[in-house]
């Protein structure tokens, strides 16, 4: 029997974190979910133990590190709604930044010096007609992007002072669900385009609202680069192995390089589900960029990452299967 290899997954009961736990288990690790279940779901913790706690709870973090001795941390736990970040920035700075600082201090104290960090393309802000790579200036438009950029800065400082090594993933719009429907996307309230659209198709909400139809894009709606959640978490497992192999800190964008407008996503959903998408047009949301598309091939070339599932049809079909499976019970 080989040695049990633990990875602590903050936010492991959430959408991306639960898929990451499944991928870690498949790769031979034991994922230890650390989550306060404020936005995550107990039913999503299926692939390893659960430690209930918040990022602000240093004593609970210390106990988790002492009990499981993780080789690395995957850090997903964060508030992540752009609209809320515009109206309540203090919550984002307190939870995301102060919480991450407590986590990093607990890691250093426990001698765990490898982190895979869930960052975001929202750190780049608005760069019109520019494909975004890892060298694009970071000029976030809201407290969500700003808090993630601050954590990236913190990681660099902890690297210089304490030898902490981090793989930082700045990712684009995550979509889809586990093809086996063991875990999936379930937010309350739901704000992400594809699940909101599928709820409208099913009659679980009146209609999808298109937030702004006067953007400088071919059809007037925002353009985003969508990546399948299973492809995304595959990259995170590659990131853990990158650190375990001693390759050091690195930043990677995770996107497909192809952008789709809101109207294109609606058209694709109609084709996949063979149902109409009830929708209406509303005003722009504060903090939304016109176009966010990854121009990076660094993850493909250096990590060996291949986004195999990230077609619109596959992402929508997997999300549709998950949504019809009953999701989690509230």
C-alpha atoms as a PDB file:
ATOM      1  CA  UNK A   1       0.000   0.000   0.000  1.00  0.00           C
ATOM      2  CA  UNK A   2       1.282   3.403  -0.919  1.00  0.00           C
ATOM      3  CA  UNK A   3       1.286   6.427   1.316  1.00  0.00           C
ATOM      4  CA  UNK A   4      -1.998   8.349   1.567  1.00  0.00           C
ATOM      5  CA  UNK A   5      -1.556  11.688  -0.176  1.00  0.00           C
ATOM      6  CA  UNK A   6      -3.883  14.451   0.985  1.00  0.00           C
ATOM      7  CA  UNK A   7      -4.757  17.719  -0.731  1.00  0.00           C
ATOM      8  CA  UNK A   8      -6.734  20.302   1.263  1.00  0.00           C
ATOM      9  CA  UNK A   9      -9.476  21.790  -0.938  1.00  0.00           C
ATOM     10  CA  UNK A  10     -10.961  25.018   0.397  1.00  0.00           C
ATOM     11  CA  UNK A  11     -14.438  25.476  -1.013  1.00  0.00           C
ATOM     12  CA  UNK A  12     -14.532  21.782  -1.890  1.00  0.00           C
ATOM     13  CA  UNK A  13     -18.306  21.646  -1.358  1.00  0.00           C
ATOM     14  CA  UNK A  14     -18.879  24.248  -4.070  1.00  0.00           C
ATOM     15  CA  UNK A  15     -19.288  23.966  -7.823  1.00  0.00           C
ATOM     16  CA  UNK A  16     -15.681  23.896  -9.033  1.00  0.00           C
ATOM     17  CA  UNK A  17     -14.274  22.548  -5.758  1.00  0.00           C
ATOM     18  CA  UNK A  18     -16.470  19.434  -5.791  1.00  0.00           C
ATOM     19  CA  UNK A  19     -15.425  18.617  -9.355  1.00  0.00           C
ATOM     20  CA  UNK A  20     -11.795  19.154  -8.317  1.00  0.00           C
ATOM     21  CA  UNK A  21     -12.243  16.658  -5.468  1.00  0.00           C
ATOM     22  CA  UNK A  22     -13.538  14.044  -7.912  1.00  0.00           C
ATOM     23  CA  UNK A  23     -10.566  14.653 -10.224  1.00  0.00           C
ATOM     24  CA  UNK A  24      -8.094  14.474  -7.323  1.00  0.00           C
ATOM     25  CA  UNK A  25      -9.518  11.149  -6.151  1.00  0.00           C
ATOM     26  CA  UNK A  26      -9.246   9.774  -9.689  1.00  0.00           C
ATOM     27  CA  UNK A  27      -5.598  10.895  -9.728  1.00  0.00           C
ATOM     28  CA  UNK A  28      -4.807   8.984  -6.524  1.00  0.00           C
ATOM     29  CA  UNK A  29      -5.081  11.766  -3.943  1.00  0.00           C
ATOM     30  CA  UNK A  30      -7.420  12.029  -0.959  1.00  0.00           C
ATOM     31  CA  UNK A  31      -9.212  15.390  -1.228  1.00  0.00           C
ATOM     32  CA  UNK A  32      -9.973  16.935   2.167  1.00  0.00           C
ATOM     33  CA  UNK A  33     -12.800  19.455   1.758  1.00  0.00           C
ATOM     34  CA  UNK A  34     -12.518  22.527   3.979  1.00  0.00           C
ATOM     35  CA  UNK A  35     -15.782  24.463   3.692  1.00  0.00           C
ATOM     36  CA  UNK A  36     -18.162  26.413   5.931  1.00  0.00           C
ATOM     37  CA  UNK A  37     -21.097  25.348   3.705  1.00  0.00           C
ATOM     38  CA  UNK A  38     -22.274  28.955   3.331  1.00  0.00           C
ATOM     39  CA  UNK A  39     -22.549  28.508  -0.430  1.00  0.00           C
ATOM     40  CA  UNK A  40     -21.409  24.890  -0.767  1.00  0.00           C
ATOM     41  CA  UNK A  41     -23.430  21.710  -0.342  1.00  0.00           C
ATOM     42  CA  UNK A  42     -22.856  18.832   2.048  1.00  0.00           C
ATOM     43  CA  UNK A  43     -24.172  16.438  -0.641  1.00  0.00           C
ATOM     44  CA  UNK A  44     -21.328  17.524  -2.928  1.00  0.00           C
ATOM     45  CA  UNK A  45     -18.684  16.110  -0.574  1.00  0.00           C
ATOM     46  CA  UNK A  46     -18.430  12.564  -1.926  1.00  0.00           C
ATOM     47  CA  UNK A  47     -14.765  11.923  -2.578  1.00  0.00           C
ATOM     48  CA  UNK A  48     -13.009  12.440   0.764  1.00  0.00           C
ATOM     49  CA  UNK A  49     -13.503  13.820   4.277  1.00  0.00           C
ATOM     50  CA  UNK A  50     -15.175  17.122   5.155  1.00  0.00           C
ATOM     51  CA  UNK A  51     -13.789  19.608   7.668  1.00  0.00           C
ATOM     52  CA  UNK A  52     -16.358  22.305   8.441  1.00  0.00           C
ATOM     53  CA  UNK A  53     -14.741  25.672   8.967  1.00  0.00           C
ATOM     54  CA  UNK A  54     -14.260  29.159   7.583  1.00  0.00           C
ATOM     55  CA  UNK A  55     -11.116  30.794   6.254  1.00  0.00           C
ATOM     56  CA  UNK A  56     -11.193  33.214   9.186  1.00  0.00           C
ATOM     57  CA  UNK A  57     -10.994  30.344  11.702  1.00  0.00           C
ATOM     58  CA  UNK A  58      -7.271  29.883  12.269  1.00  0.00           C
ATOM     59  CA  UNK A  59      -7.775  27.213  14.948  1.00  0.00           C
ATOM     60  CA  UNK A  60      -9.900  25.069  12.609  1.00  0.00           C
ATOM     61  CA  UNK A  61      -7.331  25.477   9.830  1.00  0.00           C
ATOM     62  CA  UNK A  62      -4.517  24.487  12.181  1.00  0.00           C
ATOM     63  CA  UNK A  63      -6.436  21.361  13.220  1.00  0.00           C
ATOM     64  CA  UNK A  64      -7.037  20.397   9.575  1.00  0.00           C
ATOM     65  CA  UNK A  65      -3.347  20.751   8.703  1.00  0.00           C
ATOM     66  CA  UNK A  66      -2.294  18.813  11.807  1.00  0.00           C
ATOM     67  CA  UNK A  67      -4.712  15.945  11.160  1.00  0.00           C
ATOM     68  CA  UNK A  68      -4.255  15.477   7.418  1.00  0.00           C
ATOM     69  CA  UNK A  69      -0.763  16.863   6.656  1.00  0.00           C
ATOM     70  CA  UNK A  70      -1.713  17.851   3.100  1.00  0.00           C
ATOM     71  CA  UNK A  71       0.955  17.967   0.411  1.00  0.00           C
ATOM     72  CA  UNK A  72      -0.746  20.939  -1.198  1.00  0.00           C
ATOM     73  CA  UNK A  73      -3.773  23.225  -0.953  1.00  0.00           C
ATOM     74  CA  UNK A  74      -6.287  23.941  -3.697  1.00  0.00           C
ATOM     75  CA  UNK A  75      -7.866  27.262  -2.776  1.00  0.00           C
ATOM     76  CA  UNK A  76     -11.336  27.857  -4.245  1.00  0.00           C
ATOM     77  CA  UNK A  77     -13.190  29.330  -1.255  1.00  0.00           C
ATOM     78  CA  UNK A  78     -14.284  32.864  -2.177  1.00  0.00           C
ATOM     79  CA  UNK A  79     -17.245  35.108  -2.729  1.00  0.00           C
ATOM     80  CA  UNK A  80     -17.566  35.518  -6.487  1.00  0.00           C
ATOM     81  CA  UNK A  81     -20.610  37.538  -7.618  1.00  0.00           C
ATOM     82  CA  UNK A  82     -19.714  40.648  -9.630  1.00  0.00           C
ATOM     83  CA  UNK A  83     -22.942  42.503  -8.857  1.00  0.00           C
ATOM     84  CA  UNK A  84     -22.581  41.923  -5.129  1.00  0.00           C
ATOM     85  CA  UNK A  85     -18.905  42.893  -5.303  1.00  0.00           C
ATOM     86  CA  UNK A  86     -19.925  46.274  -6.737  1.00  0.00           C
ATOM     87  CA  UNK A  87     -22.495  46.958  -3.998  1.00  0.00           C
ATOM     88  CA  UNK A  88     -20.773  45.283  -1.018  1.00  0.00           C
ATOM     89  CA  UNK A  89     -17.016  45.486  -1.616  1.00  0.00           C
ATOM     90  CA  UNK A  90     -16.216  45.148   2.080  1.00  0.00           C
ATOM     91  CA  UNK A  91     -17.526  41.574   2.132  1.00  0.00           C
ATOM     92  CA  UNK A  92     -15.111  40.688  -0.702  1.00  0.00           C
ATOM     93  CA  UNK A  93     -12.061  42.239   0.897  1.00  0.00           C
ATOM     94  CA  UNK A  94     -12.849  40.683   4.284  1.00  0.00           C
ATOM     95  CA  UNK A  95     -13.742  37.192   3.063  1.00  0.00           C
ATOM     96  CA  UNK A  96     -11.474  36.752   0.060  1.00  0.00           C
ATOM     97  CA  UNK A  97      -8.380  38.699   1.084  1.00  0.00           C
ATOM     98  CA  UNK A  98      -8.340  38.517   4.890  1.00  0.00           C
ATOM     99  CA  UNK A  99      -9.475  34.881   4.725  1.00  0.00           C
ATOM    100  CA  UNK A 100      -6.712  33.983   2.293  1.00  0.00           C
ATOM    101  CA  UNK A 101      -4.138  35.700   4.498  1.00  0.00           C
ATOM    102  CA  UNK A 102      -5.217  33.528   7.446  1.00  0.00           C
ATOM    103  CA  UNK A 103      -5.002  30.434   5.233  1.00  0.00           C
ATOM    104  CA  UNK A 104      -1.497  31.301   4.010  1.00  0.00           C
ATOM    105  CA  UNK A 105      -0.272  31.919   7.555  1.00  0.00           C
ATOM    106  CA  UNK A 106      -1.700  28.553   8.628  1.00  0.00           C
ATOM    107  CA  UNK A 107       0.019  26.870   5.671  1.00  0.00           C
ATOM    108  CA  UNK A 108       3.407  28.352   6.525  1.00  0.00           C
ATOM    109  CA  UNK A 109       3.023  27.402  10.194  1.00  0.00           C
ATOM    110  CA  UNK A 110       2.195  23.815   9.189  1.00  0.00           C
ATOM    111  CA  UNK A 111       5.054  23.584   6.695  1.00  0.00           C
ATOM    112  CA  UNK A 112       2.718  23.193   3.704  1.00  0.00           C
ATOM    113  CA  UNK A 113       4.144  25.395   0.981  1.00  0.00           C
ATOM    114  CA  UNK A 114       2.304  24.469  -2.223  1.00  0.00           C
ATOM    115  CA  UNK A 115      -0.907  26.121  -3.381  1.00  0.00           C
ATOM    116  CA  UNK A 116      -3.009  25.902  -6.515  1.00  0.00           C
ATOM    117  CA  UNK A 117      -5.010  29.120  -6.506  1.00  0.00           C
ATOM    118  CA  UNK A 118      -8.314  29.793  -8.201  1.00  0.00           C
ATOM    119  CA  UNK A 119      -7.932  33.282  -9.639  1.00  0.00           C
ATOM    120  CA  UNK A 120      -9.919  34.874 -12.442  1.00  0.00           C
ATOM    121  CA  UNK A 121      -9.742  36.725 -15.729  1.00  0.00           C
ATOM    122  CA  UNK A 122     -11.653  39.463 -13.846  1.00  0.00           C
ATOM    123  CA  UNK A 123      -8.232  40.635 -12.622  1.00  0.00           C
ATOM    124  CA  UNK A 124      -7.582  41.947 -16.149  1.00  0.00           C
ATOM    125  CA  UNK A 125     -10.581  44.279 -16.290  1.00  0.00           C
ATOM    126  CA  UNK A 126     -11.602  45.827 -19.608  1.00  0.00           C
ATOM    127  CA  UNK A 127      -9.173  45.624 -22.535  1.00  0.00           C
ATOM    128  CA  UNK A 128     -11.130  46.282 -25.708  1.00  0.00           C
ATOM    129  CA  UNK A 129     -10.411  43.979 -28.629  1.00  0.00           C
ATOM    130  CA  UNK A 130      -7.423  42.400 -26.892  1.00  0.00           C
ATOM    131  CA  UNK A 131      -7.041  38.670 -26.354  1.00  0.00           C
ATOM    132  CA  UNK A 132      -5.826  38.257 -22.807  1.00  0.00           C
ATOM    133  CA  UNK A 133      -2.629  36.438 -21.920  1.00  0.00           C
ATOM    134  CA  UNK A 134      -0.735  36.171 -18.655  1.00  0.00           C
ATOM    135  CA  UNK A 135       1.203  39.380 -19.355  1.00  0.00           C
ATOM    136  CA  UNK A 136      -1.881  41.563 -19.928  1.00  0.00           C
ATOM    137  CA  UNK A 137      -2.015  44.396 -17.345  1.00  0.00           C
ATOM    138  CA  UNK A 138      -4.301  43.656 -14.414  1.00  0.00           C
ATOM    139  CA  UNK A 139      -6.832  46.475 -14.038  1.00  0.00           C
ATOM    140  CA  UNK A 140      -9.891  44.930 -12.343  1.00  0.00           C
ATOM    141  CA  UNK A 141     -13.276  46.653 -12.589  1.00  0.00           C
ATOM    142  CA  UNK A 142     -14.746  45.416  -9.323  1.00  0.00           C
ATOM    143  CA  UNK A 143     -13.930  44.199  -5.810  1.00  0.00           C
ATOM    144  CA  UNK A 144     -14.116  40.561  -6.883  1.00  0.00           C
ATOM    145  CA  UNK A 145     -11.317  40.953  -9.451  1.00  0.00           C
ATOM    146  CA  UNK A 146      -9.413  43.309  -7.160  1.00  0.00           C
ATOM    147  CA  UNK A 147      -9.559  40.854  -4.252  1.00  0.00           C
ATOM    148  CA  UNK A 148      -8.215  38.035  -6.419  1.00  0.00           C
ATOM    149  CA  UNK A 149      -5.385  40.248  -7.707  1.00  0.00           C
ATOM    150  CA  UNK A 150      -4.523  41.133  -4.106  1.00  0.00           C
ATOM    151  CA  UNK A 151      -4.277  37.434  -3.213  1.00  0.00           C
ATOM    152  CA  UNK A 152      -1.965  36.886  -6.195  1.00  0.00           C
ATOM    153  CA  UNK A 153       0.254  39.681  -4.798  1.00  0.00           C
ATOM    154  CA  UNK A 154       0.117  38.055  -1.368  1.00  0.00           C
ATOM    155  CA  UNK A 155       1.215  34.723  -2.842  1.00  0.00           C
ATOM    156  CA  UNK A 156       4.246  36.379  -4.448  1.00  0.00           C
ATOM    157  CA  UNK A 157       5.201  37.987  -1.136  1.00  0.00           C
ATOM    158  CA  UNK A 158       4.795  34.703   0.764  1.00  0.00           C
ATOM    159  CA  UNK A 159       6.870  33.038  -1.926  1.00  0.00           C
ATOM    160  CA  UNK A 160       9.717  35.505  -1.432  1.00  0.00           C
ATOM    161  CA  UNK A 161       9.583  35.381   2.373  1.00  0.00           C
ATOM    162  CA  UNK A 162       8.601  31.776   3.115  1.00  0.00           C
ATOM    163  CA  UNK A 163       9.327  29.739  -0.021  1.00  0.00           C
ATOM    164  CA  UNK A 164       5.620  29.173  -0.701  1.00  0.00           C
ATOM    165  CA  UNK A 165       5.105  28.067  -4.300  1.00  0.00           C
ATOM    166  CA  UNK A 166       1.853  28.706  -6.146  1.00  0.00           C
ATOM    167  CA  UNK A 167       0.279  27.792  -9.437  1.00  0.00           C
ATOM    168  CA  UNK A 168      -2.217  30.561 -10.173  1.00  0.00           C
ATOM    169  CA  UNK A 169      -5.018  29.854 -12.623  1.00  0.00           C
ATOM    170  CA  UNK A 170      -6.856  32.854 -14.066  1.00  0.00           C
ATOM    171  CA  UNK A 171      -9.904  31.409 -15.624  1.00  0.00           C
ATOM    172  CA  UNK A 172     -12.674  32.467 -17.837  1.00  0.00           C
ATOM    173  CA  UNK A 173     -16.356  31.453 -17.646  1.00  0.00           C
ATOM    174  CA  UNK A 174     -16.699  27.990 -16.164  1.00  0.00           C
ATOM    175  CA  UNK A 175     -19.652  25.914 -17.357  1.00  0.00           C
ATOM    176  CA  UNK A 176     -20.958  22.370 -17.650  1.00  0.00           C
ATOM    177  CA  UNK A 177     -21.080  19.597 -15.074  1.00  0.00           C
ATOM    178  CA  UNK A 178     -19.719  16.161 -14.305  1.00  0.00           C
ATOM    179  CA  UNK A 179     -20.859  13.943 -17.242  1.00  0.00           C
ATOM    180  CA  UNK A 180     -21.835  11.246 -14.714  1.00  0.00           C
ATOM    181  CA  UNK A 181     -23.985  13.821 -12.841  1.00  0.00           C
ATOM    182  CA  UNK A 182     -22.431  12.983  -9.449  1.00  0.00           C
ATOM    183  CA  UNK A 183     -21.809  16.687  -8.831  1.00  0.00           C
ATOM    184  CA  UNK A 184     -22.781  19.837 -10.682  1.00  0.00           C
ATOM    185  CA  UNK A 185     -23.489  23.542 -10.541  1.00  0.00           C
ATOM    186  CA  UNK A 186     -26.009  24.622  -7.915  1.00  0.00           C
ATOM    187  CA  UNK A 187     -25.964  28.178  -6.579  1.00  0.00           C
ATOM    188  CA  UNK A 188     -28.692  29.889  -4.584  1.00  0.00           C
ATOM    189  CA  UNK A 189     -29.400  32.339  -6.037  1.00  0.00           C
ATOM    190  CA  UNK A 190     -28.156  31.199  -9.444  1.00  0.00           C
ATOM    191  CA  UNK A 191     -26.508  33.928 -11.529  1.00  0.00           C
ATOM    192  CA  UNK A 192     -24.461  32.077 -14.156  1.00  0.00           C
ATOM    193  CA  UNK A 193     -25.748  32.271 -17.704  1.00  0.00           C
ATOM    194  CA  UNK A 194     -26.068  28.601 -18.694  1.00  0.00           C
ATOM    195  CA  UNK A 195     -27.870  27.277 -15.567  1.00  0.00           C
ATOM    196  CA  UNK A 196     -30.117  30.371 -15.499  1.00  0.00           C
ATOM    197  CA  UNK A 197     -30.974  29.751 -19.140  1.00  0.00           C
ATOM    198  CA  UNK A 198     -31.743  26.077 -18.492  1.00  0.00           C
ATOM    199  CA  UNK A 199     -33.951  27.029 -15.541  1.00  0.00           C
ATOM    200  CA  UNK A 200     -35.871  29.360 -17.866  1.00  0.00           C
ATOM    201  CA  UNK A 201     -36.260  26.553 -20.412  1.00  0.00           C
ATOM    202  CA  UNK A 202     -37.632  24.265 -17.691  1.00  0.00           C
ATOM    203  CA  UNK A 203     -40.022  26.920 -16.399  1.00  0.00           C
ATOM    204  CA  UNK A 204     -38.222  27.210 -13.039  1.00  0.00           C
ATOM    205  CA  UNK A 205     -37.907  30.957 -13.647  1.00  0.00           C
ATOM    206  CA  UNK A 206     -39.929  33.290 -15.833  1.00  0.00           C
ATOM    207  CA  UNK A 207     -37.219  34.222 -18.317  1.00  0.00           C
ATOM    208  CA  UNK A 208     -33.532  34.806 -18.851  1.00  0.00           C
ATOM    209  CA  UNK A 209     -32.595  38.480 -18.770  1.00  0.00           C
ATOM    210  CA  UNK A 210     -29.922  39.565 -21.237  1.00  0.00           C
ATOM    211  CA  UNK A 211     -27.945  42.162 -19.275  1.00  0.00           C
ATOM    212  CA  UNK A 212     -27.131  44.715 -21.968  1.00  0.00           C
ATOM    213  CA  UNK A 213     -27.687  44.455 -25.714  1.00  0.00           C
ATOM    214  CA  UNK A 214     -25.788  47.582 -26.760  1.00  0.00           C
ATOM    215  CA  UNK A 215     -22.194  46.398 -26.291  1.00  0.00           C
ATOM    216  CA  UNK A 216     -19.694  46.912 -29.084  1.00  0.00           C
ATOM    217  CA  UNK A 217     -19.933  43.304 -30.287  1.00  0.00           C
ATOM    218  CA  UNK A 218     -21.421  41.819 -33.478  1.00  0.00           C
ATOM    219  CA  UNK A 219     -24.816  41.162 -31.851  1.00  0.00           C
ATOM    220  CA  UNK A 220     -24.648  43.715 -29.017  1.00  0.00           C
ATOM    221  CA  UNK A 221     -24.265  41.190 -26.176  1.00  0.00           C
ATOM    222  CA  UNK A 222     -21.215  40.422 -24.026  1.00  0.00           C
ATOM    223  CA  UNK A 223     -18.687  37.874 -25.254  1.00  0.00           C
ATOM    224  CA  UNK A 224     -17.117  35.334 -22.929  1.00  0.00           C
ATOM    225  CA  UNK A 225     -14.706  32.413 -23.233  1.00  0.00           C
ATOM    226  CA  UNK A 226     -16.351  29.303 -21.747  1.00  0.00           C
ATOM    227  CA  UNK A 227     -14.374  26.377 -20.331  1.00  0.00           C
ATOM    228  CA  UNK A 228     -15.852  23.075 -19.166  1.00  0.00           C
ATOM    229  CA  UNK A 229     -15.529  22.536 -15.426  1.00  0.00           C
ATOM    230  CA  UNK A 230     -14.016  19.067 -15.983  1.00  0.00           C
ATOM    231  CA  UNK A 231     -11.310  20.528 -18.225  1.00  0.00           C
ATOM    232  CA  UNK A 232     -10.698  23.222 -15.646  1.00  0.00           C
ATOM    233  CA  UNK A 233     -10.187  20.814 -12.740  1.00  0.00           C
ATOM    234  CA  UNK A 234      -7.966  18.586 -14.896  1.00  0.00           C
ATOM    235  CA  UNK A 235      -5.666  21.607 -15.119  1.00  0.00           C
ATOM    236  CA  UNK A 236      -5.742  21.938 -11.322  1.00  0.00           C
ATOM    237  CA  UNK A 237      -4.568  18.345 -10.883  1.00  0.00           C
ATOM    238  CA  UNK A 238      -1.799  19.067 -13.389  1.00  0.00           C
ATOM    239  CA  UNK A 239      -1.005  22.140 -11.269  1.00  0.00           C
ATOM    240  CA  UNK A 240      -0.615  20.037  -8.117  1.00  0.00           C
ATOM    241  CA  UNK A 241       1.733  17.683  -9.953  1.00  0.00           C
ATOM    242  CA  UNK A 242       3.659  20.661 -11.374  1.00  0.00           C
ATOM    243  CA  UNK A 243       4.342  21.822  -7.806  1.00  0.00           C
ATOM    244  CA  UNK A 244       5.132  18.333  -6.511  1.00  0.00           C
ATOM    245  CA  UNK A 245       7.680  17.965  -9.326  1.00  0.00           C
ATOM    246  CA  UNK A 246       9.429  21.105  -8.077  1.00  0.00           C
ATOM    247  CA  UNK A 247       8.706  23.308 -11.082  1.00  0.00           C
ATOM    248  CA  UNK A 248       7.914  26.368  -8.949  1.00  0.00           C
ATOM    249  CA  UNK A 249       5.413  29.199  -9.137  1.00  0.00           C
ATOM    250  CA  UNK A 250       3.646  29.958 -12.412  1.00  0.00           C
ATOM    251  CA  UNK A 251       0.565  31.794 -13.704  1.00  0.00           C
ATOM    252  CA  UNK A 252      -1.691  30.203 -16.318  1.00  0.00           C
ATOM    253  CA  UNK A 253      -4.817  31.422 -18.080  1.00  0.00           C
ATOM    254  CA  UNK A 254      -7.462  28.736 -18.553  1.00  0.00           C
ATOM    255  CA  UNK A 255      -9.689  29.403 -21.538  1.00  0.00           C
ATOM    256  CA  UNK A 256     -10.273  28.029 -24.998  1.00  0.00           C
ATOM    257  CA  UNK A 257      -9.379  31.144 -26.984  1.00  0.00           C
ATOM    258  CA  UNK A 258     -12.876  31.204 -28.469  1.00  0.00           C
ATOM    259  CA  UNK A 259     -15.510  33.678 -27.320  1.00  0.00           C
ATOM    260  CA  UNK A 260     -19.275  33.317 -27.547  1.00  0.00           C
ATOM    261  CA  UNK A 261     -21.879  36.044 -27.136  1.00  0.00           C
ATOM    262  CA  UNK A 262     -24.923  35.658 -24.900  1.00  0.00           C
ATOM    263  CA  UNK A 263     -27.110  35.302 -27.996  1.00  0.00           C
ATOM    264  CA  UNK A 264     -24.840  32.560 -29.371  1.00  0.00           C
ATOM    265  CA  UNK A 265     -25.167  30.652 -26.077  1.00  0.00           C
ATOM    266  CA  UNK A 266     -28.961  30.987 -26.272  1.00  0.00           C
ATOM    267  CA  UNK A 267     -28.929  29.630 -29.831  1.00  0.00           C
ATOM    268  CA  UNK A 268     -26.751  26.690 -28.791  1.00  0.00           C
ATOM    269  CA  UNK A 269     -29.076  25.884 -25.862  1.00  0.00           C
ATOM    270  CA  UNK A 270     -32.043  25.843 -28.198  1.00  0.00           C
ATOM    271  CA  UNK A 271     -30.204  23.366 -30.428  1.00  0.00           C
ATOM    272  CA  UNK A 272     -29.133  21.083 -27.538  1.00  0.00           C
ATOM    273  CA  UNK A 273     -32.447  20.996 -25.658  1.00  0.00           C
ATOM    274  CA  UNK A 274     -34.764  21.397 -28.659  1.00  0.00           C
ATOM    275  CA  UNK A 275     -36.681  23.962 -26.607  1.00  0.00           C
ATOM    276  CA  UNK A 276     -37.143  27.697 -26.836  1.00  0.00           C
ATOM    277  CA  UNK A 277     -35.298  29.932 -24.355  1.00  0.00           C
ATOM    278  CA  UNK A 278     -37.658  32.523 -22.824  1.00  0.00           C
ATOM    279  CA  UNK A 279     -35.638  35.718 -22.573  1.00  0.00           C
ATOM    280  CA  UNK A 280     -35.908  39.482 -22.283  1.00  0.00           C
ATOM    281  CA  UNK A 281     -33.475  42.354 -22.591  1.00  0.00           C
ATOM    282  CA  UNK A 282     -32.423  44.466 -19.631  1.00  0.00           C
ATOM    283  CA  UNK A 283     -29.803  47.145 -18.873  1.00  0.00           C
ATOM    284  CA  UNK A 284     -26.112  46.467 -18.499  1.00  0.00           C
ATOM    285  CA  UNK A 285     -24.790  45.309 -15.138  1.00  0.00           C
ATOM    286  CA  UNK A 286     -22.172  47.469 -13.448  1.00  0.00           C
ATOM    287  CA  UNK A 287     -18.749  45.850 -13.573  1.00  0.00           C
ATOM    288  CA  UNK A 288     -19.314  43.719 -16.674  1.00  0.00           C
ATOM    289  CA  UNK A 289     -16.606  43.823 -19.346  1.00  0.00           C
ATOM    290  CA  UNK A 290     -17.530  43.754 -23.044  1.00  0.00           C
ATOM    291  CA  UNK A 291     -15.306  40.859 -24.074  1.00  0.00           C
ATOM    292  CA  UNK A 292     -13.130  38.428 -22.110  1.00  0.00           C
ATOM    293  CA  UNK A 293     -11.295  35.875 -24.225  1.00  0.00           C
ATOM    294  CA  UNK A 294      -8.067  34.018 -23.440  1.00  0.00           C
ATOM    295  CA  UNK A 295      -5.253  34.316 -25.935  1.00  0.00           C
ATOM    296  CA  UNK A 296      -2.959  32.070 -23.952  1.00  0.00           C
ATOM    297  CA  UNK A 297      -1.475  28.739 -24.952  1.00  0.00           C
ATOM    298  CA  UNK A 298       0.853  28.570 -21.936  1.00  0.00           C
ATOM    299  CA  UNK A 299      -1.251  25.937 -20.106  1.00  0.00           C
ATOM    300  CA  UNK A 300      -1.363  23.755 -23.222  1.00  0.00           C
ATOM    301  CA  UNK A 301       2.341  24.090 -23.975  1.00  0.00           C
ATOM    302  CA  UNK A 302       3.783  23.920 -20.436  1.00  0.00           C
ATOM    303  CA  UNK A 303       1.264  21.948 -18.378  1.00  0.00           C
ATOM    304  CA  UNK A 304       0.194  19.664 -21.184  1.00  0.00           C
ATOM    305  CA  UNK A 305      -3.420  20.703 -20.630  1.00  0.00           C
ATOM    306  CA  UNK A 306      -6.000  19.751 -23.256  1.00  0.00           C
ATOM    307  CA  UNK A 307      -9.532  21.203 -22.939  1.00  0.00           C
ATOM    308  CA  UNK A 308     -11.355  18.172 -24.364  1.00  0.00           C
ATOM    309  CA  UNK A 309     -14.909  18.945 -23.251  1.00  0.00           C
ATOM    310  CA  UNK A 310     -15.094  22.697 -23.823  1.00  0.00           C
ATOM    311  CA  UNK A 311     -17.503  22.933 -26.743  1.00  0.00           C
ATOM    312  CA  UNK A 312     -20.711  24.859 -26.172  1.00  0.00           C
ATOM    313  CA  UNK A 313     -22.787  21.809 -27.087  1.00  0.00           C
ATOM    314  CA  UNK A 314     -20.992  19.556 -24.581  1.00  0.00           C
ATOM    315  CA  UNK A 315     -21.062  22.117 -21.764  1.00  0.00           C
ATOM    316  CA  UNK A 316     -24.767  22.774 -22.226  1.00  0.00           C
ATOM    317  CA  UNK A 317     -25.640  19.075 -22.616  1.00  0.00           C
ATOM    318  CA  UNK A 318     -23.761  18.143 -19.422  1.00  0.00           C
ATOM    319  CA  UNK A 319     -25.346  21.023 -17.502  1.00  0.00           C
ATOM    320  CA  UNK A 320     -28.789  20.030 -18.840  1.00  0.00           C
ATOM    321  CA  UNK A 321     -28.290  16.407 -17.752  1.00  0.00           C
ATOM    322  CA  UNK A 322     -27.239  17.556 -14.277  1.00  0.00           C
ATOM    323  CA  UNK A 323     -30.131  19.986 -13.958  1.00  0.00           C
ATOM    324  CA  UNK A 324     -32.625  17.273 -14.865  1.00  0.00           C
ATOM    325  CA  UNK A 325     -31.065  14.827 -12.365  1.00  0.00           C
ATOM    326  CA  UNK A 326     -32.538  16.756  -9.439  1.00  0.00           C
ATOM    327  CA  UNK A 327     -29.436  18.659  -8.271  1.00  0.00           C
ATOM    328  CA  UNK A 328     -28.916  18.976  -4.499  1.00  0.00           C
ATOM    329  CA  UNK A 329     -31.730  19.265  -1.971  1.00  0.00           C
ATOM    330  CA  UNK A 330     -31.908  22.542  -0.135  1.00  0.00           C
END
